[in-house]
Amino acid sequence: MNTASVAELERLPGVGPVLAERIITYRKEHGRFRRVEHLMMVRGISDRRFRELRSLVRVD
């Protein structure tokens, strides 16, 4: 999550261009994600969507 580009994020299920941009913007404004759970702080990432993504992402 901390180094992924918009194109890479869009390959995740349920992540389109708008949500990918929100993730990038959040990362730029708040710094690196320290835990995968912090992804839920991005507008548009619901609990359900997070559960779908959790096993597919990491925050190295």
N, C-alpha and C. Protein backbone atom coordinates (compact mmCIF):
# COMPACT_ATOMS: atom_id res chain seq x y z
N MET A 1 0.81 -1.19 0.00
CA MET A 1 0.00 0.00 0.00
C MET A 1 0.85 1.26 0.00
N ASN A 2 2.03 1.17 0.53
CA ASN A 2 2.85 2.37 0.67
C ASN A 2 3.65 2.73 -0.58
N THR A 3 3.73 1.83 -1.51
CA THR A 3 4.49 2.12 -2.73
C THR A 3 3.70 1.87 -4.00
N ALA A 4 2.48 1.38 -3.87
CA ALA A 4 1.67 1.03 -5.05
C ALA A 4 1.26 2.27 -5.83
N SER A 5 1.26 2.13 -7.13
CA SER A 5 0.80 3.20 -8.02
C SER A 5 -0.72 3.09 -8.18
N VAL A 6 -1.31 4.09 -8.81
CA VAL A 6 -2.74 4.06 -9.09
C VAL A 6 -3.08 2.82 -9.91
N ALA A 7 -2.29 2.54 -10.94
CA ALA A 7 -2.55 1.37 -11.80
C ALA A 7 -2.50 0.07 -11.01
N GLU A 8 -1.55 -0.04 -10.09
CA GLU A 8 -1.44 -1.26 -9.28
C GLU A 8 -2.63 -1.39 -8.33
N LEU A 9 -3.04 -0.28 -7.74
CA LEU A 9 -4.18 -0.32 -6.83
C LEU A 9 -5.46 -0.69 -7.56
N GLU A 10 -5.60 -0.24 -8.80
CA GLU A 10 -6.80 -0.53 -9.58
C GLU A 10 -6.94 -2.01 -9.90
N ARG A 11 -5.89 -2.76 -9.80
CA ARG A 11 -5.96 -4.21 -10.04
C ARG A 11 -6.60 -4.95 -8.88
N LEU A 12 -6.74 -4.29 -7.74
CA LEU A 12 -7.38 -4.92 -6.59
C LEU A 12 -8.89 -4.96 -6.81
N PRO A 13 -9.55 -6.01 -6.33
CA PRO A 13 -11.00 -6.12 -6.52
C PRO A 13 -11.74 -4.99 -5.82
N GLY A 14 -12.63 -4.34 -6.55
CA GLY A 14 -13.44 -3.27 -5.98
C GLY A 14 -12.76 -1.92 -5.91
N VAL A 15 -11.54 -1.81 -6.42
CA VAL A 15 -10.81 -0.54 -6.39
C VAL A 15 -10.74 -0.01 -7.82
N GLY A 16 -11.44 1.09 -8.05
CA GLY A 16 -11.41 1.74 -9.35
C GLY A 16 -10.50 2.96 -9.31
N PRO A 17 -10.52 3.75 -10.35
CA PRO A 17 -9.61 4.91 -10.42
C PRO A 17 -9.86 5.93 -9.31
N VAL A 18 -11.10 6.17 -8.94
CA VAL A 18 -11.40 7.17 -7.92
C VAL A 18 -10.88 6.71 -6.56
N LEU A 19 -11.15 5.48 -6.20
CA LEU A 19 -10.70 4.97 -4.91
C LEU A 19 -9.18 4.85 -4.87
N ALA A 20 -8.58 4.45 -5.96
CA ALA A 20 -7.12 4.38 -6.02
C ALA A 20 -6.50 5.76 -5.79
N GLU A 21 -7.08 6.78 -6.39
CA GLU A 21 -6.58 8.15 -6.18
C GLU A 21 -6.76 8.58 -4.73
N ARG A 22 -7.86 8.19 -4.11
CA ARG A 22 -8.08 8.53 -2.69
C ARG A 22 -7.04 7.88 -1.81
N ILE A 23 -6.67 6.66 -2.12
CA ILE A 23 -5.64 5.97 -1.33
C ILE A 23 -4.31 6.69 -1.47
N ILE A 24 -3.96 7.05 -2.69
CA ILE A 24 -2.70 7.77 -2.93
C ILE A 24 -2.72 9.13 -2.23
N THR A 25 -3.82 9.84 -2.34
CA THR A 25 -3.95 11.16 -1.70
C THR A 25 -3.83 11.04 -0.19
N TYR A 26 -4.51 10.05 0.38
CA TYR A 26 -4.43 9.83 1.83
C TYR A 26 -2.98 9.57 2.24
N ARG A 27 -2.30 8.75 1.48
CA ARG A 27 -0.90 8.41 1.77
C ARG A 27 -0.02 9.65 1.71
N LYS A 28 -0.25 10.52 0.73
CA LYS A 28 0.55 11.74 0.61
C LYS A 28 0.28 12.70 1.76
N GLU A 29 -0.98 12.79 2.18
CA GLU A 29 -1.34 13.74 3.24
C GLU A 29 -1.00 13.25 4.64
N HIS A 30 -1.05 11.95 4.88
CA HIS A 30 -0.89 11.41 6.23
C HIS A 30 0.35 10.55 6.41
N GLY A 31 1.08 10.32 5.35
CA GLY A 31 2.27 9.48 5.46
C GLY A 31 1.94 8.02 5.21
N ARG A 32 2.95 7.21 5.35
CA ARG A 32 2.82 5.77 5.07
C ARG A 32 1.79 5.12 5.99
N PHE A 33 1.14 4.10 5.45
CA PHE A 33 0.25 3.28 6.27
C PHE A 33 1.13 2.44 7.19
N ARG A 34 0.86 2.48 8.49
CA ARG A 34 1.64 1.68 9.43
C ARG A 34 1.05 0.29 9.63
N ARG A 35 -0.26 0.18 9.46
CA ARG A 35 -0.96 -1.11 9.59
C ARG A 35 -1.97 -1.21 8.46
N VAL A 36 -2.25 -2.41 8.03
CA VAL A 36 -3.23 -2.62 6.97
C VAL A 36 -4.58 -2.04 7.37
N GLU A 37 -4.94 -2.13 8.64
CA GLU A 37 -6.22 -1.62 9.12
C GLU A 37 -6.39 -0.13 8.89
N HIS A 38 -5.31 0.60 8.79
CA HIS A 38 -5.40 2.05 8.56
C HIS A 38 -6.00 2.36 7.20
N LEU A 39 -6.05 1.40 6.33
CA LEU A 39 -6.69 1.58 5.02
C LEU A 39 -8.16 1.96 5.18
N MET A 40 -8.78 1.53 6.27
CA MET A 40 -10.19 1.85 6.50
C MET A 40 -10.42 3.34 6.76
N MET A 41 -9.36 4.09 6.98
CA MET A 41 -9.50 5.52 7.18
C MET A 41 -9.69 6.27 5.86
N VAL A 42 -9.48 5.60 4.77
CA VAL A 42 -9.67 6.20 3.44
C VAL A 42 -11.16 6.18 3.13
N ARG A 43 -11.70 7.33 2.73
CA ARG A 43 -13.11 7.40 2.38
C ARG A 43 -13.41 6.44 1.23
N GLY A 44 -14.42 5.62 1.42
CA GLY A 44 -14.79 4.65 0.40
C GLY A 44 -14.36 3.23 0.72
N ILE A 45 -13.54 3.06 1.75
CA ILE A 45 -13.14 1.72 2.17
C ILE A 45 -14.04 1.32 3.34
N SER A 46 -15.05 0.55 3.05
CA SER A 46 -15.98 0.08 4.08
C SER A 46 -15.37 -1.14 4.77
N ASP A 47 -16.02 -1.57 5.84
CA ASP A 47 -15.58 -2.79 6.52
C ASP A 47 -15.58 -3.96 5.55
N ARG A 48 -16.65 -4.07 4.77
CA ARG A 48 -16.77 -5.18 3.83
C ARG A 48 -15.65 -5.15 2.78
N ARG A 49 -15.40 -3.97 2.21
CA ARG A 49 -14.34 -3.86 1.21
C ARG A 49 -12.98 -4.16 1.83
N PHE A 50 -12.77 -3.67 3.05
CA PHE A 50 -11.50 -3.95 3.72
C PHE A 50 -11.29 -5.45 3.90
N ARG A 51 -12.32 -6.15 4.32
CA ARG A 51 -12.20 -7.60 4.49
C ARG A 51 -11.83 -8.29 3.18
N GLU A 52 -12.34 -7.79 2.07
CA GLU A 52 -12.01 -8.36 0.76
C GLU A 52 -10.54 -8.09 0.39
N LEU A 53 -10.01 -6.97 0.81
CA LEU A 53 -8.66 -6.55 0.43
C LEU A 53 -7.58 -7.00 1.40
N ARG A 54 -7.95 -7.23 2.63
CA ARG A 54 -6.97 -7.46 3.69
C ARG A 54 -5.91 -8.49 3.34
N SER A 55 -6.29 -9.61 2.79
CA SER A 55 -5.33 -10.66 2.49
C SER A 55 -4.50 -10.37 1.24
N LEU A 56 -4.88 -9.33 0.51
CA LEU A 56 -4.20 -9.02 -0.75
C LEU A 56 -3.19 -7.88 -0.64
N VAL A 57 -3.18 -7.18 0.48
CA VAL A 57 -2.32 -6.00 0.61
C VAL A 57 -1.41 -6.13 1.81
N ARG A 58 -0.34 -5.35 1.78
CA ARG A 58 0.57 -5.26 2.92
C ARG A 58 1.14 -3.85 2.99
N VAL A 59 1.75 -3.51 4.10
CA VAL A 59 2.21 -2.14 4.31
C VAL A 59 3.71 -2.07 4.63
N ASP A 60 4.49 -2.92 4.07
CA ASP A 60 5.96 -2.97 4.33
C ASP A 60 6.57 -1.61 4.47
